Amino acid sequence: MRLSGKTSLITGGGTGIGEAIALEFARQGCRVGIAGRREEPLRAAAARHAEEPRISWCAADVADRGSCERLFAWAARELGPIHILINSAGVNIVKRTMAELSTEDWDLLMAVNVTGAFHCMRLALPQMRERRDGLIVNISSIAGKRASVLGGVAYSASKFAMTALGGTVALEEARHGIRVTTVFPGEVETPILERRPVPVTAEHRARILQPEDVAAAVLMIAELPPRAHVPELIIKPTSQDYA
């Protein structure tokens, strides 16, 4: 129960990396709230961890400022003060090249992947400043470190923006005792693979990272004492190049 007494709000918590982090945090005694656009995955994720402390859920669209405000009002009632915010909500599209990319898809990726994280950070930071303590973990991508044809134009741009957002806020808020970490996973076996232009084989899925691998890395960050800050962390499949 290494996170006993802590509370965490996790966006994108109904599937993939967000769900894996939620389950790991709950196992370590953290009081967890998960959020996402669809109720069914949230309900199912919460049901997969029946023992206390239970996982609470709230449907919310991080791309919508009003929805985020309602989410944090819910969290204040249901969870209490948020010690750890995990921004794991993220989307990608099938038509990813500049030649194919629509303005609607560009707007969608920016709204969810960047503006969604901004909304949640803006709402979490005041209480963290007041306590002079808090941890924010933004789940980015290796596509947020270097341009990626695989991720696509809009996804790479959104993840680079998320990297800049987290890094700048980390510099600003360190004096308030607030730590911001950006995690850069390589390929992970999550539902986002269903949006690949070319279907991913079962063999490939087995070789890449699993959500619980990323969750283990995030847990390590969350367990560090307030004096220790990990600004960035890259985690990739052993078989994946990083150059």
C-alpha atoms as a PDB file:
ATOM      1  CA  MET A   1       0.000   0.000   0.000  1.00  0.00           C
ATOM      2  CA  ARG A   2       2.754   2.383  -1.039  1.00  0.00           C
ATOM      3  CA  LEU A   3       0.373   5.176  -2.124  1.00  0.00           C
ATOM      4  CA  SER A   4      -1.904   4.966   0.894  1.00  0.00           C
ATOM      5  CA  GLY A   5      -3.396   8.337   1.756  1.00  0.00           C
ATOM      6  CA  LYS A   6      -2.936   9.692  -1.764  1.00  0.00           C
ATOM      7  CA  THR A   7      -5.619  10.503  -4.328  1.00  0.00           C
ATOM      8  CA  SER A   8      -5.252  10.426  -8.081  1.00  0.00           C
ATOM      9  CA  LEU A   9      -7.347  11.569 -11.030  1.00  0.00           C
ATOM     10  CA  ILE A  10      -6.571   9.792 -14.307  1.00  0.00           C
ATOM     11  CA  THR A  11      -7.939  10.935 -17.647  1.00  0.00           C
ATOM     12  CA  GLY A  12      -8.227   8.317 -20.363  1.00  0.00           C
ATOM     13  CA  GLY A  13      -8.607   5.891 -17.480  1.00  0.00           C
ATOM     14  CA  GLY A  14     -11.103   3.515 -19.055  1.00  0.00           C
ATOM     15  CA  THR A  15      -8.672   1.733 -21.370  1.00  0.00           C
ATOM     16  CA  GLY A  16      -5.017   1.225 -22.191  1.00  0.00           C
ATOM     17  CA  ILE A  17      -2.280   2.988 -20.260  1.00  0.00           C
ATOM     18  CA  GLY A  18      -4.698   5.044 -18.152  1.00  0.00           C
ATOM     19  CA  GLU A  19      -6.566   1.960 -16.973  1.00  0.00           C
ATOM     20  CA  ALA A  20      -3.323   0.133 -16.168  1.00  0.00           C
ATOM     21  CA  ILE A  21      -2.106   3.079 -14.075  1.00  0.00           C
ATOM     22  CA  ALA A  22      -5.458   3.255 -12.278  1.00  0.00           C
ATOM     23  CA  LEU A  23      -5.347  -0.436 -11.373  1.00  0.00           C
ATOM     24  CA  GLU A  24      -1.718  -0.241 -10.201  1.00  0.00           C
ATOM     25  CA  PHE A  25      -2.354   2.870  -8.116  1.00  0.00           C
ATOM     26  CA  ALA A  26      -5.445   1.312  -6.524  1.00  0.00           C
ATOM     27  CA  ARG A  27      -3.468  -1.806  -5.621  1.00  0.00           C
ATOM     28  CA  GLN A  28      -0.996   0.466  -3.834  1.00  0.00           C
ATOM     29  CA  GLY A  29      -3.680   2.064  -1.683  1.00  0.00           C
ATOM     30  CA  CYS A  30      -4.335   5.204  -3.729  1.00  0.00           C
ATOM     31  CA  ARG A  31      -7.882   6.536  -3.950  1.00  0.00           C
ATOM     32  CA  VAL A  32      -8.415   6.684  -7.705  1.00  0.00           C
ATOM     33  CA  GLY A  33     -10.835   8.474  -9.990  1.00  0.00           C
ATOM     34  CA  ILE A  34     -10.862   7.755 -13.710  1.00  0.00           C
ATOM     35  CA  ALA A  35     -12.381   9.826 -16.494  1.00  0.00           C
ATOM     36  CA  GLY A  36     -13.101   9.345 -20.182  1.00  0.00           C
ATOM     37  CA  ARG A  37     -15.673  10.165 -22.815  1.00  0.00           C
ATOM     38  CA  ARG A  38     -17.495   6.799 -22.746  1.00  0.00           C
ATOM     39  CA  GLU A  39     -19.232   5.385 -19.683  1.00  0.00           C
ATOM     40  CA  GLU A  40     -19.014   1.702 -20.602  1.00  0.00           C
ATOM     41  CA  PRO A  41     -15.179   1.371 -20.534  1.00  0.00           C
ATOM     42  CA  LEU A  42     -15.024   3.407 -17.321  1.00  0.00           C
ATOM     43  CA  ARG A  43     -17.604   1.206 -15.634  1.00  0.00           C
ATOM     44  CA  ALA A  44     -15.803  -1.947 -16.794  1.00  0.00           C
ATOM     45  CA  ALA A  45     -12.400  -0.691 -15.652  1.00  0.00           C
ATOM     46  CA  ALA A  46     -13.766   0.150 -12.200  1.00  0.00           C
ATOM     47  CA  ALA A  47     -15.374  -3.287 -11.952  1.00  0.00           C
ATOM     48  CA  ARG A  48     -12.064  -5.016 -12.660  1.00  0.00           C
ATOM     49  CA  HIS A  49     -10.810  -3.825  -9.278  1.00  0.00           C
ATOM     50  CA  ALA A  50     -13.576  -4.642  -6.825  1.00  0.00           C
ATOM     51  CA  GLU A  51     -11.642  -4.546  -3.553  1.00  0.00           C
ATOM     52  CA  GLU A  52     -11.017  -1.372  -1.571  1.00  0.00           C
ATOM     53  CA  PRO A  53      -9.928   1.267  -2.228  1.00  0.00           C
ATOM     54  CA  ARG A  54     -12.394   1.258  -5.095  1.00  0.00           C
ATOM     55  CA  ILE A  55     -11.947   3.094  -8.350  1.00  0.00           C
ATOM     56  CA  SER A  56     -14.517   5.821  -8.941  1.00  0.00           C
ATOM     57  CA  TRP A  57     -15.366   7.066 -12.416  1.00  0.00           C
ATOM     58  CA  CYS A  58     -16.865  10.078 -14.130  1.00  0.00           C
ATOM     59  CA  ALA A  59     -17.604  10.531 -17.828  1.00  0.00           C
ATOM     60  CA  ALA A  60     -15.912  13.670 -19.154  1.00  0.00           C
ATOM     61  CA  ASP A  61     -14.553  15.064 -22.395  1.00  0.00           C
ATOM     62  CA  VAL A  62     -11.196  16.708 -21.696  1.00  0.00           C
ATOM     63  CA  ALA A  63     -11.428  18.679 -24.942  1.00  0.00           C
ATOM     64  CA  ASP A  64     -14.406  20.570 -23.484  1.00  0.00           C
ATOM     65  CA  ARG A  65     -13.522  23.128 -20.800  1.00  0.00           C
ATOM     66  CA  GLY A  66     -16.962  22.966 -19.153  1.00  0.00           C
ATOM     67  CA  SER A  67     -16.788  19.174 -19.010  1.00  0.00           C
ATOM     68  CA  CYS A  68     -13.375  19.404 -17.322  1.00  0.00           C
ATOM     69  CA  GLU A  69     -14.719  21.862 -14.777  1.00  0.00           C
ATOM     70  CA  ARG A  70     -17.568  19.470 -13.977  1.00  0.00           C
ATOM     71  CA  LEU A  71     -15.047  16.625 -13.694  1.00  0.00           C
ATOM     72  CA  PHE A  72     -12.970  18.484 -11.119  1.00  0.00           C
ATOM     73  CA  ALA A  73     -16.068  19.480  -9.171  1.00  0.00           C
ATOM     74  CA  TRP A  74     -16.990  15.778  -9.078  1.00  0.00           C
ATOM     75  CA  ALA A  75     -13.445  14.862  -8.001  1.00  0.00           C
ATOM     76  CA  ALA A  76     -13.555  17.378  -5.156  1.00  0.00           C
ATOM     77  CA  ARG A  77     -16.731  15.732  -3.834  1.00  0.00           C
ATOM     78  CA  GLU A  78     -15.783  12.112  -4.512  1.00  0.00           C
ATOM     79  CA  LEU A  79     -12.029  12.006  -3.954  1.00  0.00           C
ATOM     80  CA  GLY A  80     -11.037  15.114  -2.033  1.00  0.00           C
ATOM     81  CA  PRO A  81      -7.743  16.905  -2.784  1.00  0.00           C
ATOM     82  CA  ILE A  82      -5.928  15.581  -5.858  1.00  0.00           C
ATOM     83  CA  HIS A  83      -2.332  14.652  -5.102  1.00  0.00           C
ATOM     84  CA  ILE A  84      -1.560  13.068  -8.492  1.00  0.00           C
ATOM     85  CA  LEU A  85      -2.984  14.038 -11.877  1.00  0.00           C
ATOM     86  CA  ILE A  86      -2.362  11.680 -14.785  1.00  0.00           C
ATOM     87  CA  ASN A  87      -3.129  13.094 -18.237  1.00  0.00           C
ATOM     88  CA  SER A  88      -3.480   9.912 -20.283  1.00  0.00           C
ATOM     89  CA  ALA A  89      -6.348  10.838 -22.612  1.00  0.00           C
ATOM     90  CA  GLY A  90      -5.175  10.716 -26.203  1.00  0.00           C
ATOM     91  CA  VAL A  91      -6.409   9.958 -29.706  1.00  0.00           C
ATOM     92  CA  ASN A  92      -5.060   9.411 -33.196  1.00  0.00           C
ATOM     93  CA  ILE A  93      -6.603   9.094 -36.632  1.00  0.00           C
ATOM     94  CA  VAL A  94      -6.277   6.827 -39.663  1.00  0.00           C
ATOM     95  CA  LYS A  95      -5.452   9.441 -42.330  1.00  0.00           C
ATOM     96  CA  ARG A  96      -2.212  10.811 -40.906  1.00  0.00           C
ATOM     97  CA  THR A  97      -0.127  12.257 -43.737  1.00  0.00           C
ATOM     98  CA  MET A  98      -0.180  15.972 -44.533  1.00  0.00           C
ATOM     99  CA  ALA A  99      -1.727  15.172 -47.918  1.00  0.00           C
ATOM    100  CA  GLU A 100      -4.631  13.297 -46.300  1.00  0.00           C
ATOM    101  CA  LEU A 101      -5.070  15.193 -43.023  1.00  0.00           C
ATOM    102  CA  SER A 102      -8.333  17.077 -42.627  1.00  0.00           C
ATOM    103  CA  THR A 103      -8.690  20.282 -40.653  1.00  0.00           C
ATOM    104  CA  GLU A 104     -11.341  18.557 -38.515  1.00  0.00           C
ATOM    105  CA  ASP A 105      -8.915  15.772 -37.535  1.00  0.00           C
ATOM    106  CA  TRP A 106      -6.159  18.315 -36.826  1.00  0.00           C
ATOM    107  CA  ASP A 107      -8.518  20.205 -34.504  1.00  0.00           C
ATOM    108  CA  LEU A 108      -9.576  16.961 -32.787  1.00  0.00           C
ATOM    109  CA  LEU A 109      -6.042  15.837 -31.978  1.00  0.00           C
ATOM    110  CA  MET A 110      -5.010  19.256 -30.713  1.00  0.00           C
ATOM    111  CA  ALA A 111      -8.173  19.560 -28.609  1.00  0.00           C
ATOM    112  CA  VAL A 112      -7.797  16.159 -26.917  1.00  0.00           C
ATOM    113  CA  ASN A 113      -4.037  15.626 -26.764  1.00  0.00           C
ATOM    114  CA  VAL A 114      -2.938  19.158 -25.838  1.00  0.00           C
ATOM    115  CA  THR A 115      -5.831  21.365 -24.810  1.00  0.00           C
ATOM    116  CA  GLY A 116      -7.310  18.553 -22.719  1.00  0.00           C
ATOM    117  CA  ALA A 117      -4.091  18.283 -20.711  1.00  0.00           C
ATOM    118  CA  PHE A 118      -3.997  22.079 -20.353  1.00  0.00           C
ATOM    119  CA  HIS A 119      -7.573  22.207 -19.023  1.00  0.00           C
ATOM    120  CA  CYS A 120      -6.858  19.542 -16.403  1.00  0.00           C
ATOM    121  CA  MET A 121      -3.541  21.026 -15.323  1.00  0.00           C
ATOM    122  CA  ARG A 122      -5.086  24.471 -14.983  1.00  0.00           C
ATOM    123  CA  LEU A 123      -7.783  23.060 -12.702  1.00  0.00           C
ATOM    124  CA  ALA A 124      -5.455  20.886 -10.616  1.00  0.00           C
ATOM    125  CA  LEU A 125      -2.671  23.404 -10.004  1.00  0.00           C
ATOM    126  CA  PRO A 126      -4.380  25.867  -7.617  1.00  0.00           C
ATOM    127  CA  GLN A 127      -4.950  23.254  -4.909  1.00  0.00           C
ATOM    128  CA  MET A 128      -1.441  21.865  -5.434  1.00  0.00           C
ATOM    129  CA  ARG A 129       0.049  25.345  -5.047  1.00  0.00           C
ATOM    130  CA  GLU A 130      -1.910  25.841  -1.847  1.00  0.00           C
ATOM    131  CA  ARG A 131      -0.539  22.567  -0.426  1.00  0.00           C
ATOM    132  CA  ARG A 132       2.901  23.189  -1.946  1.00  0.00           C
ATOM    133  CA  ASP A 133       2.869  19.617  -3.162  1.00  0.00           C
ATOM    134  CA  GLY A 134       1.599  17.727  -6.177  1.00  0.00           C
ATOM    135  CA  LEU A 135       2.567  15.496  -9.067  1.00  0.00           C
ATOM    136  CA  ILE A 136       1.361  15.747 -12.672  1.00  0.00           C
ATOM    137  CA  VAL A 137       2.285  13.033 -15.160  1.00  0.00           C
ATOM    138  CA  ASN A 138       1.594  13.673 -18.836  1.00  0.00           C
ATOM    139  CA  ILE A 139       1.562  10.563 -21.023  1.00  0.00           C
ATOM    140  CA  SER A 140       3.084  11.767 -24.282  1.00  0.00           C
ATOM    141  CA  SER A 141       4.792   9.573 -26.894  1.00  0.00           C
ATOM    142  CA  ILE A 142       8.171   9.127 -28.524  1.00  0.00           C
ATOM    143  CA  ALA A 143       6.388  11.060 -31.291  1.00  0.00           C
ATOM    144  CA  GLY A 144       6.607  13.983 -28.860  1.00  0.00           C
ATOM    145  CA  LYS A 145      10.409  13.727 -28.872  1.00  0.00           C
ATOM    146  CA  ARG A 146      11.054  13.438 -32.600  1.00  0.00           C
ATOM    147  CA  ALA A 147       8.910  13.729 -35.703  1.00  0.00           C
ATOM    148  CA  SER A 148       7.177  10.449 -36.507  1.00  0.00           C
ATOM    149  CA  VAL A 149       5.747   9.355 -39.827  1.00  0.00           C
ATOM    150  CA  LEU A 150       4.194   6.417 -37.988  1.00  0.00           C
ATOM    151  CA  GLY A 151       2.353   8.706 -35.565  1.00  0.00           C
ATOM    152  CA  GLY A 152       1.511  11.218 -38.258  1.00  0.00           C
ATOM    153  CA  VAL A 153       1.642  14.988 -38.658  1.00  0.00           C
ATOM    154  CA  ALA A 154      -1.119  16.005 -36.243  1.00  0.00           C
ATOM    155  CA  TYR A 155      -0.281  13.414 -33.591  1.00  0.00           C
ATOM    156  CA  SER A 156       3.411  14.346 -33.587  1.00  0.00           C
ATOM    157  CA  ALA A 157       2.591  18.051 -33.436  1.00  0.00           C
ATOM    158  CA  SER A 158       0.150  17.528 -30.574  1.00  0.00           C
ATOM    159  CA  LYS A 159       2.634  15.450 -28.599  1.00  0.00           C
ATOM    160  CA  PHE A 160       5.447  17.965 -29.144  1.00  0.00           C
ATOM    161  CA  ALA A 161       3.066  20.608 -27.800  1.00  0.00           C
ATOM    162  CA  MET A 162       2.274  18.420 -24.794  1.00  0.00           C
ATOM    163  CA  THR A 163       6.004  18.071 -24.148  1.00  0.00           C
ATOM    164  CA  ALA A 164       6.458  21.856 -24.187  1.00  0.00           C
ATOM    165  CA  LEU A 165       3.402  22.333 -21.974  1.00  0.00           C
ATOM    166  CA  GLY A 166       4.637  19.931 -19.313  1.00  0.00           C
ATOM    167  CA  GLY A 167       8.240  21.084 -19.406  1.00  0.00           C
ATOM    168  CA  THR A 168       7.387  24.764 -19.068  1.00  0.00           C
ATOM    169  CA  VAL A 169       4.884  24.220 -16.259  1.00  0.00           C
ATOM    170  CA  ALA A 170       7.486  22.092 -14.448  1.00  0.00           C
ATOM    171  CA  LEU A 171       9.904  25.040 -14.523  1.00  0.00           C
ATOM    172  CA  GLU A 172       7.251  27.487 -13.323  1.00  0.00           C
ATOM    173  CA  GLU A 173       5.827  25.356 -10.534  1.00  0.00           C
ATOM    174  CA  ALA A 174       8.953  23.828  -8.999  1.00  0.00           C
ATOM    175  CA  ARG A 175       9.086  26.696  -6.485  1.00  0.00           C
ATOM    176  CA  HIS A 176       5.650  25.592  -5.267  1.00  0.00           C
ATOM    177  CA  GLY A 177       6.819  22.029  -4.680  1.00  0.00           C
ATOM    178  CA  ILE A 178       4.929  20.748  -7.739  1.00  0.00           C
ATOM    179  CA  ARG A 179       6.554  18.186 -10.028  1.00  0.00           C
ATOM    180  CA  VAL A 180       5.559  17.627 -13.661  1.00  0.00           C
ATOM    181  CA  THR A 181       6.793  14.564 -15.533  1.00  0.00           C
ATOM    182  CA  THR A 182       6.414  13.830 -19.224  1.00  0.00           C
ATOM    183  CA  VAL A 183       6.481  10.124 -20.098  1.00  0.00           C
ATOM    184  CA  PHE A 184       7.401   9.164 -23.660  1.00  0.00           C
ATOM    185  CA  PRO A 185       6.273   5.614 -24.448  1.00  0.00           C
ATOM    186  CA  GLY A 186       7.180   3.849 -27.645  1.00  0.00           C
ATOM    187  CA  GLU A 187       4.650   1.495 -29.192  1.00  0.00           C
ATOM    188  CA  VAL A 188       2.144   0.173 -26.652  1.00  0.00           C
ATOM    189  CA  GLU A 189      -0.556  -2.457 -27.067  1.00  0.00           C
ATOM    190  CA  THR A 190      -3.614  -0.230 -26.548  1.00  0.00           C
ATOM    191  CA  PRO A 191      -6.878   0.460 -28.417  1.00  0.00           C
ATOM    192  CA  ILE A 192      -5.188   3.347 -30.278  1.00  0.00           C
ATOM    193  CA  LEU A 193      -3.584   0.685 -32.490  1.00  0.00           C
ATOM    194  CA  GLU A 194      -6.999   0.119 -34.034  1.00  0.00           C
ATOM    195  CA  ARG A 195      -6.595   3.515 -35.722  1.00  0.00           C
ATOM    196  CA  ARG A 196      -3.419   2.510 -37.571  1.00  0.00           C
ATOM    197  CA  PRO A 197      -3.507   2.939 -41.358  1.00  0.00           C
ATOM    198  CA  VAL A 198      -2.087  -0.610 -41.665  1.00  0.00           C
ATOM    199  CA  PRO A 199      -3.484  -3.289 -39.315  1.00  0.00           C
ATOM    200  CA  VAL A 200      -1.090  -4.473 -36.608  1.00  0.00           C
ATOM    201  CA  THR A 201      -0.405  -8.201 -36.412  1.00  0.00           C
ATOM    202  CA  ALA A 202      -0.771 -10.278 -33.259  1.00  0.00           C
ATOM    203  CA  GLU A 203       2.968 -10.999 -33.351  1.00  0.00           C
ATOM    204  CA  HIS A 204       3.773  -7.300 -33.409  1.00  0.00           C
ATOM    205  CA  ARG A 205       1.371  -6.599 -30.552  1.00  0.00           C
ATOM    206  CA  ALA A 206       3.109  -9.245 -28.460  1.00  0.00           C
ATOM    207  CA  ARG A 207       6.553  -7.670 -29.019  1.00  0.00           C
ATOM    208  CA  ILE A 208       5.701  -4.114 -28.043  1.00  0.00           C
ATOM    209  CA  LEU A 209       5.090  -2.581 -24.624  1.00  0.00           C
ATOM    210  CA  GLN A 210       2.040  -3.600 -22.639  1.00  0.00           C
ATOM    211  CA  PRO A 211       0.053  -0.992 -20.674  1.00  0.00           C
ATOM    212  CA  GLU A 212       1.226  -2.444 -17.376  1.00  0.00           C
ATOM    213  CA  ASP A 213       4.852  -1.748 -18.382  1.00  0.00           C
ATOM    214  CA  VAL A 214       4.142   1.965 -18.611  1.00  0.00           C
ATOM    215  CA  ALA A 215       2.069   1.796 -15.411  1.00  0.00           C
ATOM    216  CA  ALA A 216       5.056   0.333 -13.544  1.00  0.00           C
ATOM    217  CA  ALA A 217       7.213   3.255 -14.677  1.00  0.00           C
ATOM    218  CA  VAL A 218       4.583   5.801 -13.621  1.00  0.00           C
ATOM    219  CA  LEU A 219       4.231   4.088 -10.231  1.00  0.00           C
ATOM    220  CA  MET A 220       7.971   4.455  -9.695  1.00  0.00           C
ATOM    221  CA  ILE A 221       7.681   8.188 -10.359  1.00  0.00           C
ATOM    222  CA  ALA A 222       4.689   8.511  -8.026  1.00  0.00           C
ATOM    223  CA  GLU A 223       6.513   6.736  -5.196  1.00  0.00           C
ATOM    224  CA  LEU A 224       9.487   9.081  -5.172  1.00  0.00           C
ATOM    225  CA  PRO A 225       9.733  11.545  -2.280  1.00  0.00           C
ATOM    226  CA  PRO A 226       8.814  15.189  -2.956  1.00  0.00           C
ATOM    227  CA  ARG A 227      12.500  16.135  -3.128  1.00  0.00           C
ATOM    228  CA  ALA A 228      13.000  13.943  -6.227  1.00  0.00           C
ATOM    229  CA  HIS A 229      11.754  15.001  -9.654  1.00  0.00           C
ATOM    230  CA  VAL A 230      11.886  13.029 -12.908  1.00  0.00           C
ATOM    231  CA  PRO A 231      11.284  15.654 -15.635  1.00  0.00           C
ATOM    232  CA  GLU A 232      11.179  13.153 -18.510  1.00  0.00           C
ATOM    233  CA  LEU A 233      11.122   9.384 -18.904  1.00  0.00           C
ATOM    234  CA  ILE A 234      11.399   7.389 -22.129  1.00  0.00           C
ATOM    235  CA  ILE A 235      10.182   3.787 -22.172  1.00  0.00           C
ATOM    236  CA  LYS A 236      10.198   1.731 -25.346  1.00  0.00           C
ATOM    237  CA  PRO A 237      10.008  -1.868 -26.538  1.00  0.00           C
ATOM    238  CA  THR A 238      13.411  -3.532 -26.490  1.00  0.00           C
ATOM    239  CA  SER A 239      12.997  -4.354 -30.174  1.00  0.00           C
ATOM    240  CA  GLN A 240      12.147  -0.785 -31.187  1.00  0.00           C
ATOM    241  CA  ASP A 241      14.890   1.488 -32.482  1.00  0.00           C
ATOM    242  CA  TYR A 242      15.508   4.789 -30.745  1.00  0.00           C
ATOM    243  CA  ALA A 243      17.738   6.974 -32.870  1.00  0.00           C
END
